[in-house]
Protein backbone atom coordinates (compact mmCIF):
# COMPACT_ATOMS: atom_id res chain seq x y z
CA MET A 1 45.59 33.81 -83.61
CA ASN A 2 45.05 34.12 -79.85
CA THR A 3 43.95 37.66 -78.97
CA LYS A 4 44.95 37.29 -75.32
CA THR A 5 48.29 38.69 -74.16
CA LYS A 6 51.00 36.20 -73.40
CA CYS A 7 50.56 36.83 -69.67
CA GLN A 8 46.83 36.14 -69.97
CA GLN A 9 47.52 32.97 -71.93
CA PHE A 10 49.89 31.65 -69.28
CA ARG A 11 47.58 32.46 -66.38
CA GLN A 12 44.80 30.65 -68.22
CA LEU A 13 47.05 27.58 -68.57
CA LEU A 14 48.03 27.70 -64.92
CA GLN A 15 44.43 27.90 -63.75
CA SER A 16 43.03 25.46 -66.29
CA GLN A 17 40.85 22.62 -65.06
CA GLU A 18 42.82 20.30 -67.37
CA LEU A 19 46.40 19.12 -67.02
CA GLU A 20 48.48 21.39 -69.26
CA PHE A 21 51.89 20.80 -70.80
CA ILE A 22 54.71 23.14 -71.77
CA CYS A 23 57.96 22.21 -73.47
CA GLU A 24 61.54 23.37 -73.16
CA ALA A 25 63.17 25.68 -75.68
CA HIS A 26 66.54 27.38 -75.55
CA ASN A 27 66.63 29.78 -78.51
CA GLY A 28 64.38 31.34 -81.12
CA LEU A 29 64.50 28.35 -83.46
CA SER A 30 63.61 25.75 -80.82
CA ALA A 31 60.90 28.05 -79.43
CA LYS A 32 59.27 28.20 -82.87
CA ILE A 33 59.48 24.42 -83.15
CA VAL A 34 57.72 24.05 -79.77
CA GLU A 35 54.94 26.37 -80.90
CA GLU A 36 54.51 24.59 -84.25
CA ALA A 37 54.28 21.26 -82.40
CA GLY A 38 51.11 22.55 -80.79
CA PHE A 39 52.28 23.37 -77.27
CA LYS A 40 50.49 26.24 -75.57
CA GLY A 41 53.55 27.40 -73.64
CA ILE A 42 57.35 27.30 -73.50
CA TRP A 43 59.72 26.53 -70.63
CA GLY A 44 62.78 28.79 -70.90
CA SER A 45 65.07 26.26 -69.25
CA GLY A 46 68.07 27.55 -67.33
CA LEU A 47 69.91 24.29 -67.98
CA THR A 48 69.41 24.26 -71.74
CA ILE A 49 69.88 27.99 -72.30
CA SER A 50 73.20 27.85 -70.44
CA ALA A 51 74.13 24.63 -72.25
CA GLN A 52 73.56 26.15 -75.70
CA PHE A 53 75.90 28.95 -74.60
CA GLY A 54 78.40 26.22 -73.72
CA VAL A 55 78.57 27.10 -70.01
CA ARG A 56 77.52 25.37 -66.80
CA ASP A 57 74.11 25.73 -65.17
CA ASN A 58 75.66 27.70 -62.29
CA ASN A 59 74.68 31.25 -63.26
CA GLU A 60 77.78 31.42 -65.46
CA ALA A 61 75.63 33.05 -68.14
CA SER A 62 74.69 36.49 -66.87
CA TRP A 63 71.05 37.45 -66.44
CA THR A 64 71.37 40.03 -69.23
CA GLN A 65 72.62 37.30 -71.61
CA ILE A 66 69.60 35.22 -70.63
CA LEU A 67 67.35 38.21 -71.34
CA ASP A 68 68.88 38.75 -74.78
CA ASN A 69 68.27 35.09 -75.60
CA LEU A 70 64.70 35.29 -74.32
CA GLU A 71 64.00 38.28 -76.54
CA PHE A 72 64.71 36.18 -79.64
CA MET A 73 62.50 33.40 -78.28
CA SER A 74 59.65 35.80 -77.55
CA ASP A 75 59.91 37.53 -80.93
CA ALA A 76 59.79 34.18 -82.74
CA THR A 77 56.58 32.95 -81.10
CA HIS A 78 53.05 33.87 -80.09
CA ILE A 79 52.70 31.62 -77.02
CA PRO A 80 53.77 32.44 -73.45
CA ILE A 81 57.20 31.70 -72.01
CA LEU A 82 57.81 30.66 -68.41
CA LEU A 83 61.42 31.52 -67.61
CA ASP A 84 63.46 29.27 -65.38
CA GLY A 85 64.80 32.26 -63.42
CA ASP A 86 67.10 30.26 -61.09
CA THR A 87 67.21 32.15 -57.77
CA GLY A 88 66.19 35.49 -59.26
CA TYR A 89 69.81 36.43 -60.06
CA GLY A 90 70.39 38.12 -56.72
CA ASN A 91 68.39 39.68 -53.87
CA PHE A 92 64.95 41.34 -53.87
CA ASN A 93 66.30 44.35 -55.76
CA ASN A 94 67.66 42.19 -58.58
CA MET A 95 64.34 40.34 -58.62
CA GLN A 96 62.38 43.55 -59.15
CA ARG A 97 64.61 44.65 -62.01
CA LEU A 98 64.30 41.18 -63.56
CA ILE A 99 60.49 41.35 -63.51
CA ARG A 100 60.46 44.75 -65.23
CA LYS A 101 62.84 43.54 -67.94
CA LEU A 102 60.86 40.34 -68.50
CA GLU A 103 57.63 42.28 -68.96
CA GLN A 104 59.34 44.53 -71.50
CA ARG A 105 60.11 41.42 -73.56
CA GLN A 106 56.60 39.97 -73.21
CA ILE A 107 57.76 37.07 -71.07
CA ALA A 108 54.66 35.80 -69.30
CA ALA A 109 56.05 34.28 -66.11
CA VAL A 110 59.16 33.44 -64.11
CA CYS A 111 59.96 30.53 -61.83
CA ILE A 112 62.48 31.09 -59.02
CA GLU A 113 63.92 28.44 -56.69
CA ASP A 114 64.66 28.70 -52.98
CA LYS A 115 68.42 28.13 -53.10
CA ILE A 116 71.49 30.35 -52.77
CA PHE A 117 72.89 32.52 -55.59
CA PRO A 118 74.81 31.41 -57.60
CA LYS A 119 72.67 28.29 -57.98
CA THR A 120 73.80 24.76 -58.83
CA ASN A 121 71.69 22.43 -60.94
CA SER A 122 69.35 20.39 -58.74
CA PHE A 123 70.61 17.06 -60.06
CA LEU A 124 74.24 17.74 -59.12
CA LYS A 125 74.67 16.67 -55.48
CA GLY A 126 71.34 18.19 -54.62
CA ASP A 127 71.29 16.94 -51.03
CA ALA A 128 74.48 18.89 -50.33
CA GLN A 129 73.09 22.22 -51.57
CA PRO A 130 72.03 24.88 -49.02
CA MET A 131 68.53 26.35 -49.20
CA ALA A 132 67.64 30.02 -49.02
CA ASP A 133 66.29 31.51 -45.82
CA ILE A 134 62.53 31.11 -45.99
CA ASP A 135 61.81 34.72 -45.00
CA GLU A 136 64.39 36.14 -47.40
CA PHE A 137 62.97 34.10 -50.29
CA SER A 138 59.40 35.10 -49.38
CA GLY A 139 60.52 38.74 -49.46
CA LYS A 140 61.90 38.19 -52.93
CA ILE A 141 58.52 36.92 -54.10
CA LYS A 142 56.76 39.94 -52.56
CA ALA A 143 59.22 42.29 -54.23
CA GLY A 144 58.60 40.64 -57.59
CA LYS A 145 54.83 40.92 -57.25
CA ASP A 146 55.15 44.58 -56.28
CA ALA A 147 57.31 45.27 -59.32
CA GLN A 148 55.05 43.76 -61.97
CA THR A 149 52.82 46.12 -63.93
CA ASP A 150 50.74 43.44 -65.65
CA ASP A 151 48.33 41.84 -63.19
CA ASP A 152 48.47 38.58 -65.15
CA PHE A 153 52.26 38.20 -64.94
CA CYS A 154 52.95 35.06 -62.86
CA ILE A 155 55.64 34.14 -60.37
CA ILE A 156 56.08 30.42 -59.70
CA ALA A 157 57.92 29.47 -56.51
CA ARG A 158 60.05 26.36 -56.91
CA VAL A 159 60.42 24.38 -53.69
CA GLU A 160 63.71 22.46 -53.48
CA ALA A 161 63.14 20.85 -50.08
CA PHE A 162 63.04 17.28 -51.47
CA ILE A 163 66.08 17.93 -53.68
CA CYS A 164 68.14 19.20 -50.74
CA GLY A 165 67.32 16.27 -48.48
CA TRP A 166 64.51 17.76 -46.42
CA GLY A 167 61.20 16.02 -45.97
CA LEU A 168 57.55 16.62 -46.72
CA ALA A 169 56.97 18.85 -43.68
CA GLU A 170 59.64 21.31 -44.79
CA ALA A 171 58.33 21.28 -48.38
CA LEU A 172 54.83 22.11 -47.17
CA ARG A 173 56.07 24.79 -44.75
CA ARG A 174 58.00 26.56 -47.49
CA ALA A 175 55.22 26.23 -50.08
CA GLU A 176 52.73 27.81 -47.67
CA ALA A 177 55.06 30.70 -46.91
CA TYR A 178 55.65 31.35 -50.60
CA HIS A 179 51.93 31.12 -51.33
CA GLN A 180 51.23 33.69 -48.62
CA ALA A 181 53.95 35.93 -50.11
CA GLY A 182 52.00 36.06 -53.38
CA ALA A 183 53.34 33.18 -55.51
CA ASP A 184 50.88 32.31 -58.27
CA GLY A 185 51.90 28.67 -58.27
CA ILE A 186 54.23 26.16 -56.65
CA LEU A 187 56.71 24.00 -58.54
CA ILE A 188 57.51 20.97 -56.42
CA HIS A 189 60.71 19.28 -57.51
CA SER A 190 62.06 15.78 -56.90
CA ALA A 191 65.11 13.80 -57.96
CA LEU A 192 63.61 10.39 -57.26
CA ALA A 193 62.91 7.93 -60.08
CA VAL A 194 59.39 7.47 -58.68
CA PRO A 195 56.76 10.17 -58.07
CA ASP A 196 56.25 9.37 -54.37
CA GLU A 197 57.47 12.73 -53.05
CA ILE A 198 55.48 14.92 -55.39
CA LEU A 199 52.33 12.82 -54.93
CA SER A 200 52.60 12.99 -51.15
CA PHE A 201 53.07 16.76 -51.39
CA LYS A 202 50.00 17.17 -53.59
CA ARG A 203 47.82 15.08 -51.30
CA GLU A 204 48.70 17.30 -48.36
CA TRP A 205 48.72 20.55 -50.32
CA GLY A 206 45.35 20.06 -51.94
CA ASP A 207 44.13 22.95 -54.11
CA ARG A 208 45.53 25.94 -52.25
CA CYS A 209 47.16 27.11 -55.48
CA PRO A 210 48.28 25.45 -58.76
CA VAL A 211 51.13 22.93 -58.54
CA VAL A 212 53.63 22.46 -61.37
CA ILE A 213 55.88 19.40 -61.79
CA VAL A 214 58.95 18.45 -63.83
CA PRO A 215 58.98 14.64 -64.33
CA THR A 216 62.49 14.41 -65.77
CA LYS A 217 63.61 11.80 -63.23
CA TYR A 218 60.32 9.94 -62.75
CA TYR A 219 59.66 9.86 -66.49
CA SER A 220 58.15 6.35 -66.49
CA THR A 221 55.16 7.52 -64.45
CA PRO A 222 51.94 7.36 -66.54
CA THR A 223 50.61 10.82 -67.27
CA ASP A 224 47.18 9.79 -66.00
CA VAL A 225 48.68 9.64 -62.51
CA PHE A 226 49.37 13.38 -62.76
CA ARG A 227 45.85 14.01 -64.04
CA GLN A 228 44.25 12.02 -61.24
CA SER A 229 46.27 13.97 -58.68
CA GLU A 230 45.06 17.23 -60.28
CA PHE A 231 48.43 18.81 -60.94
CA ALA A 232 48.12 22.00 -62.97
CA MET A 233 51.06 21.78 -65.34
CA VAL A 234 53.76 19.39 -66.54
CA ILE A 235 57.07 20.74 -67.88
CA TRP A 236 59.06 18.70 -70.41
CA ALA A 237 62.19 20.37 -69.20
CA ASN A 238 65.22 19.65 -71.40
CA HIS A 239 64.35 17.15 -74.09
CA LEU A 240 64.73 19.23 -77.23
CA LEU A 241 68.31 20.14 -76.35
CA ARG A 242 69.15 16.55 -75.39
CA THR A 243 67.70 15.33 -78.69
CA ALA A 244 69.74 17.91 -80.58
CA VAL A 245 72.93 16.92 -78.73
CA THR A 246 72.50 13.25 -79.67
CA THR A 247 71.85 14.07 -83.33
CA MET A 248 74.71 16.59 -83.58
CA GLN A 249 77.17 14.14 -81.99
CA LYS A 250 76.17 11.41 -84.42
CA THR A 251 76.36 13.73 -87.42
CA ALA A 252 79.74 15.16 -86.41
CA LYS A 253 81.14 11.64 -85.93
CA THR A 254 79.83 10.53 -89.31
CA LEU A 255 81.32 13.58 -91.04
CA LYS A 256 84.69 13.01 -89.40
CA GLU A 257 84.78 9.34 -90.29
CA GLN A 258 83.38 9.46 -93.83
CA GLU A 259 84.59 12.89 -95.01
CA HIS A 260 81.55 13.43 -97.23
CA LEU A 261 77.90 14.45 -96.93
CA LEU A 262 76.26 11.67 -98.89
CA SER A 263 75.28 9.59 -95.85
CA ILE A 264 73.63 12.39 -93.92
CA GLU A 265 72.24 15.00 -96.31
CA ASP A 266 68.89 13.29 -96.87
CA ARG A 267 68.53 12.34 -93.18
CA ILE A 268 68.54 15.89 -91.85
CA ALA A 269 66.33 18.93 -92.31
CA PRO A 270 66.88 20.58 -95.69
CA VAL A 271 68.18 24.12 -95.67
CA SER A 272 64.76 25.18 -96.97
CA GLU A 273 63.21 24.06 -93.68
CA VAL A 274 65.67 26.22 -91.75
CA PHE A 275 64.72 29.15 -93.98
CA ARG A 276 61.05 28.46 -93.30
CA LEU A 277 61.55 28.39 -89.55
CA GLN A 278 63.46 31.65 -89.83
CA GLY A 279 60.47 33.24 -91.56
CA ALA A 280 62.33 33.72 -94.82
CA ALA A 281 59.30 34.22 -97.07
CA GLU A 282 60.50 37.70 -97.96
CA LEU A 283 63.83 36.22 -99.06
CA GLN A 284 62.02 33.78 -101.35
CA GLU A 285 60.11 36.67 -102.87
CA ALA A 286 63.38 38.53 -103.39
CA GLU A 287 64.85 35.47 -105.12
CA LYS A 288 61.93 35.48 -107.53
CA ARG A 289 62.63 39.14 -108.34
CA TYR A 290 66.41 39.11 -108.50
CA LEU A 291 67.24 35.49 -109.43
CA PRO A 292 64.56 34.52 -111.95
CA GLN A 293 66.74 31.88 -113.62
CA ASN A 294 67.26 30.01 -110.38
CA SER A 295 64.10 27.99 -110.89
CA GLU A 296 62.76 29.03 -114.28
CA ASN A 297 65.68 27.54 -116.20
CA MET A 298 65.39 24.03 -114.78
CA ALA A 299 63.07 21.22 -115.82
CA ALA A 300 62.72 17.46 -115.56
CA ILE A 301 61.26 14.75 -117.78
CA ILE A 302 60.20 11.56 -116.02
CA LEU A 303 59.73 8.47 -118.22
CA ALA A 304 56.94 6.49 -116.56
CA ALA A 305 54.95 4.82 -119.33
CA SER A 306 55.69 1.18 -118.51
CA ARG A 307 53.67 -1.12 -116.27
CA GLY A 308 56.42 -2.78 -114.24
CA ASP A 309 55.43 -6.43 -114.81
CA GLU A 310 58.05 -7.60 -112.33
CA LEU A 311 55.88 -6.28 -109.45
CA GLY A 312 53.04 -8.63 -110.31
CA GLU A 313 49.69 -7.85 -108.69
CA LEU A 314 50.90 -4.48 -107.41
CA THR A 315 50.70 -3.11 -110.96
CA GLU A 316 47.47 -4.70 -112.13
CA ASP A 317 45.51 -1.46 -111.71
CA LYS A 318 48.29 1.13 -111.81
CA PRO A 319 51.78 1.59 -113.26
CA LYS A 320 54.87 1.00 -111.18
CA THR A 321 55.40 4.72 -110.66
CA MET A 322 52.16 4.87 -108.62
CA VAL A 323 52.99 1.94 -106.31
CA HIS A 324 53.02 3.23 -102.75
CA ILE A 325 56.21 3.60 -100.72
CA GLN A 326 55.36 4.26 -97.05
CA GLY A 327 51.86 5.31 -98.03
CA THR A 328 52.87 7.68 -100.84
CA PRO A 329 53.18 6.96 -104.59
CA LEU A 330 56.70 6.38 -105.85
CA LEU A 331 56.22 9.22 -108.33
CA SER A 332 55.33 11.58 -105.48
CA HIS A 333 58.67 10.84 -103.77
CA ILE A 334 60.48 11.58 -107.04
CA VAL A 335 58.59 14.83 -107.58
CA ASP A 336 59.23 15.92 -103.97
CA ALA A 337 62.96 15.37 -104.45
CA TYR A 338 62.94 17.54 -107.58
CA ASN A 339 60.79 20.21 -105.92
CA ALA A 340 63.18 20.34 -102.96
CA VAL A 341 65.97 21.61 -105.23
CA GLY A 342 63.77 24.12 -107.03
CA ILE A 343 62.66 22.06 -110.04
CA LYS A 344 58.96 22.77 -110.51
CA ASN A 345 58.61 22.31 -114.28
CA ILE A 346 58.19 18.54 -114.45
CA THR A 347 56.85 16.56 -117.41
CA VAL A 348 55.70 12.99 -116.83
CA VAL A 349 55.24 10.59 -119.73
CA ARG A 350 52.32 8.27 -118.96
CA GLY A 351 51.30 5.06 -120.71
CA TYR A 352 50.00 1.98 -118.93
CA LYS A 353 46.90 2.79 -116.82
CA LYS A 354 47.51 6.46 -117.47
CA GLU A 355 44.27 7.44 -115.73
CA ALA A 356 45.85 6.32 -112.42
CA VAL A 357 48.66 8.90 -112.73
CA THR A 358 47.00 12.08 -111.51
CA LEU A 359 49.38 13.89 -109.16
CA PRO A 360 48.85 17.67 -109.19
CA ASN A 361 51.13 20.38 -110.59
CA LEU A 362 52.69 18.18 -113.26
CA THR A 363 52.63 18.32 -117.05
CA TYR A 364 51.49 15.03 -118.58
CA VAL A 365 52.36 13.65 -121.98
CA ASP A 366 50.72 10.36 -122.99
CA ASN A 367 52.38 7.57 -124.92
CA ASP A 368 49.37 5.52 -125.90
CA ARG A 369 51.64 3.19 -127.91
CA PHE A 370 53.71 2.30 -124.82
CA ALA A 371 53.26 -1.45 -125.35
CA ASP A 372 54.80 -1.33 -128.84
CA THR A 373 57.44 1.38 -128.32
CA GLY A 374 60.39 2.07 -126.05
CA GLU A 375 61.88 4.80 -123.91
CA LEU A 376 63.08 6.90 -126.82
CA ASP A 377 59.59 7.18 -128.25
CA SER A 378 58.35 8.45 -124.87
CA LEU A 379 61.25 10.89 -124.62
CA LEU A 380 60.61 12.25 -128.11
CA LYS A 381 56.96 12.86 -127.27
CA ALA A 382 58.01 14.80 -124.15
CA LEU A 383 60.45 16.95 -126.13
CA ARG A 384 57.91 17.63 -128.87
CA ALA A 385 55.46 18.83 -126.21
CA LYS A 386 57.92 21.61 -125.34
CA ASN A 387 57.20 23.21 -128.74
CA GLY A 388 60.78 24.30 -129.13
CA THR A 389 60.94 26.11 -125.76
CA PHE A 390 63.68 24.22 -123.97
CA GLN A 391 65.34 24.53 -120.58
CA ASP A 392 68.18 22.69 -118.92
CA THR A 393 66.45 19.35 -118.35
CA ILE A 394 67.10 16.19 -116.36
CA ILE A 395 65.78 12.99 -117.94
CA SER A 396 65.06 10.25 -115.40
CA TYR A 397 62.78 7.32 -114.73
CA GLY A 398 59.55 6.98 -112.78
CA ASP A 399 60.84 4.05 -110.74
CA VAL A 400 64.18 5.32 -109.39
CA LEU A 401 64.52 6.98 -105.99
CA PHE A 402 67.47 9.30 -105.45
CA ASN A 403 69.16 11.68 -103.05
CA GLN A 404 68.50 15.34 -103.70
CA TYR A 405 72.17 16.06 -104.31
CA ILE A 406 71.96 14.21 -107.65
CA PRO A 407 69.80 16.80 -109.49
CA GLN A 408 71.55 19.59 -107.58
CA THR A 409 74.94 18.45 -108.84
CA LEU A 410 73.76 17.83 -112.39
CA PHE A 411 72.48 21.39 -112.75
CA GLN A 412 75.71 22.82 -111.38
CA GLU A 413 77.63 21.37 -114.32
CA GLN A 414 77.78 23.64 -117.36
CA GLU A 415 78.39 21.02 -120.05
CA ASP A 416 75.60 20.06 -122.46
CA LEU A 417 75.33 16.38 -121.53
CA VAL A 418 76.02 15.15 -118.00
CA MET A 419 75.25 11.71 -116.55
CA PHE A 420 75.66 10.00 -113.17
CA VAL A 421 77.47 6.66 -112.85
CA ASP A 422 77.52 4.48 -109.73
CA SER A 423 81.04 3.09 -109.40
CA SER A 424 79.87 0.51 -106.85
CA TRP A 425 78.52 -1.78 -109.54
CA GLU A 426 79.56 -5.29 -108.43
CA GLY A 427 76.54 -7.42 -107.64
CA LYS A 428 74.11 -4.88 -109.11
CA THR A 429 73.40 -6.63 -112.37
CA SER A 430 69.69 -5.80 -112.10
CA TYR A 431 70.52 -2.13 -112.44
CA THR A 432 72.00 -2.68 -115.87
CA ARG A 433 68.47 -2.66 -117.30
CA LEU A 434 68.63 1.15 -117.03
CA GLY A 435 71.26 1.36 -119.71
CA GLY A 436 74.06 -1.01 -118.98
CA PHE A 437 77.63 -0.87 -117.81
CA ALA A 438 79.74 2.21 -118.36
CA GLU A 439 83.36 2.55 -119.41
CA CYS A 440 84.73 6.03 -118.76
CA THR A 441 87.95 7.88 -119.43
CA LEU A 442 88.97 7.42 -115.77
CA PRO A 443 87.76 5.11 -113.00
CA ASN A 444 86.36 6.60 -109.80
CA SER A 445 89.28 7.61 -107.59
CA ARG A 446 90.76 10.64 -105.88
CA LYS A 447 92.05 11.78 -109.24
CA THR A 448 88.53 12.27 -110.55
CA PHE A 449 87.96 15.09 -108.05
CA HIS A 450 90.40 17.17 -110.06
CA SER A 451 89.75 15.76 -113.54
CA LYS A 452 86.84 15.75 -115.95
CA VAL A 453 85.61 12.27 -116.77
CA TYR A 454 83.70 11.36 -119.94
CA LEU A 455 81.77 8.34 -121.15
CA GLN A 456 83.53 6.05 -123.63
CA GLN A 457 80.96 3.29 -124.05
CA LEU A 458 77.74 2.11 -122.45
CA GLY A 459 75.88 -1.17 -122.78
CA GLN A 460 75.62 -4.79 -121.74
CA ASP A 461 78.69 -5.88 -123.69
CA VAL A 462 81.37 -3.81 -121.97
CA PRO A 463 84.23 -6.17 -120.96
CA GLU A 464 84.33 -6.66 -117.19
CA ALA A 465 87.87 -5.33 -116.96
CA SER A 466 86.69 -2.07 -118.54
CA ILE A 467 83.59 -1.53 -116.40
CA HIS A 468 83.76 1.60 -114.24
CA GLY A 469 80.16 1.56 -113.05
CA VAL A 470 76.50 1.46 -114.03
CA TRP A 471 74.41 4.30 -115.36
CA MET A 472 71.88 5.33 -112.72
CA GLY A 473 69.17 6.67 -115.01
CA PHE A 474 69.95 10.41 -114.84
CA LEU A 475 70.97 12.51 -117.81
CA LYS A 476 71.10 16.30 -117.80
CA VAL A 477 70.67 17.94 -121.18
CA SER A 478 71.28 21.67 -121.60
CA SER A 479 68.62 23.83 -123.22
CA LYS A 480 70.79 24.13 -126.32
CA ALA A 481 71.35 20.37 -126.54
CA CYS A 482 67.63 19.59 -126.10
CA GLU A 483 66.93 20.83 -129.62
CA GLN A 484 69.77 18.70 -131.00
CA LEU A 485 68.55 15.73 -128.98
CA GLN A 486 65.07 16.02 -130.49
CA GLU A 487 66.54 16.01 -134.00
CA ILE A 488 68.64 12.92 -133.19
CA LEU A 489 65.60 11.09 -131.83
CA GLU A 490 63.56 12.00 -134.92
CA HIS A 491 66.29 10.48 -137.07
CA MET A 492 66.68 7.34 -134.94
CA LEU A 493 62.96 6.61 -134.68
CA ALA A 494 62.46 7.01 -138.40
CA ASP A 495 64.12 3.58 -138.57
CA PRO A 496 61.56 0.87 -137.62
CA ALA A 497 64.40 -1.11 -136.05
CA ASN A 498 64.60 1.49 -133.29
CA ARG A 499 60.88 1.42 -132.48
CA LYS A 500 61.56 -0.12 -129.04
CA ALA A 501 64.96 1.50 -128.49
CA GLY A 502 65.94 2.61 -124.99
CA MET A 503 68.32 5.12 -123.48
CA SER A 504 71.28 2.79 -124.00
CA GLN A 505 70.91 3.10 -127.78
CA LEU A 506 70.65 6.88 -127.44
CA PHE A 507 73.98 7.04 -125.60
CA GLN A 508 75.58 4.87 -128.25
CA GLU A 509 74.27 7.17 -130.98
CA LEU A 510 75.51 10.26 -129.14
CA LEU A 511 78.96 8.72 -128.78
CA ARG A 512 78.95 7.73 -132.46
CA ARG A 513 78.24 11.37 -133.30
CA LYS A 514 81.16 12.45 -131.05
CA PHE A 515 79.03 14.23 -128.43
CA PRO A 516 81.05 14.55 -125.20
CA ILE A 517 79.08 13.10 -122.28
CA ARG A 518 80.40 14.24 -118.92
CA VAL A 519 80.38 11.59 -116.17
CA LEU A 520 79.84 12.30 -112.47
CA TYR A 521 80.59 9.44 -110.10
CA THR A 522 78.79 8.48 -106.93
CA VAL A 523 78.62 5.40 -104.72
CA GLY A 524 75.04 4.34 -104.01
CA HIS A 525 72.48 6.91 -102.83
CA TRP A 526 69.84 5.81 -105.34
CA LEU A 527 67.44 2.89 -105.59
CA ASP A 528 66.01 1.28 -108.71
CA ILE A 529 62.60 -0.24 -107.88
CA ASN A 530 62.72 -3.46 -109.84
CA SER A 531 61.34 -6.12 -107.46
CA LEU A 532 59.17 -6.67 -104.41
CA ASP A 533 62.35 -6.66 -102.29
CA ASP A 534 63.12 -3.20 -103.64
CA ILE A 535 59.71 -2.02 -102.42
CA VAL A 536 60.69 -3.15 -98.91
CA HIS A 537 64.11 -1.48 -99.09
CA ALA A 538 62.55 1.70 -100.46
CA GLY A 539 60.83 2.28 -97.12
CA GLU A 540 64.27 2.59 -95.54
CA PHE A 541 65.85 4.66 -98.33
């Protein structure tokens, strides 16, 4: 951790011999994101702070509201903040009070612009905006420097001459006056789509004091141009908020149109990431103390003993579950999805090329007879390995990707046996290899939201008129039912005819024994990796 104060850190950035970069943030969360991205400083943007309040960038948010917001940003981070202080929120007296309050909150620097209070954003009819009297603004800078108690606190004077329609001579005249008044740096601003104005200013200004730029309008300019001109600092001024706006608009529109979360949940940050950014480690420790069953009573068994012959050369030296999807083994994606919902106790049944399956933090059970046996033999070996200590367990495959809501929803159901069925089954005949077509007590419709649906039959021979979907490869078994399931498997596999039996036969046996199997419907949101085309699609899943 940097031992320098935030003021010292900012002054070091401002006086660095390298071009430095700081990024906009508008609240504590975005400030933490900026720091974690590796930036050495934060721009407390007046535009984005006012925007996140839902008001205009015209000093409609009071300076005390800005201070309150800054306090959260400062508390959340260890890097310096340069506040976009507009015009200083008033005259020299207001400026002095502002400096004292900023120092109390460990804000490292403030930038003030030479326009009239209340200010108007520079990109809104800038050439029609009046500028502050040069002597009055210089006095404001002097007052601010007199008020600071930390010698390293910095005041940056923002010159709006180009914005307001004045030329280079006026920009230089004002910058020199502000420099003489004690400004630690000059921010030269321009609304042009090319950097001509700021480059001409820097050529004439030279190295009298550091010059800061905000390339929002001339964003296509190569950064090396700024380096060659020896600018001190570049501010990425509003891009986190603008990114957030785009994403929130898209998400809100999707929610309104689709009226469900299935299309967006896996495309956005999980709630756990929000907790992490909030610094919620102490909450996680409390959950371990007060909610021990939240994670300790959940487990998963992943059946991954087969080779996956359909993938050809990809599985010559490893099983299908270790084929890479976007650079990461398929099994790793599956484990991450389970981990994300709190399932840490995961048993993987290996078989073909078992030495290639070596991901950490997993329990491995080997089915060395994988070539001569089926899924039920692998499942029985996994259950036997539990030694009679059972938990609520999801049984799934090592070649099926899925949205996190699937295990979440399964564990929320209290019944002993719960399965997922995809009601969008037309054209998905390849998926039937997982267990076949399903006929249920009710088809997927609005009625099923208020009714409990159960499996009636499962297999390849279900008449088309009776098909309500395909089994997706997920079965939750309660801790109590796990013991019964092991006994049923022992009985089934005692018959040599069932040596290669799969999950489909298990469902048929459970139905024959009158076990109720609860059905949960979904539409898509899973992917069975069963071909080279599936590998391609998996990268987009």
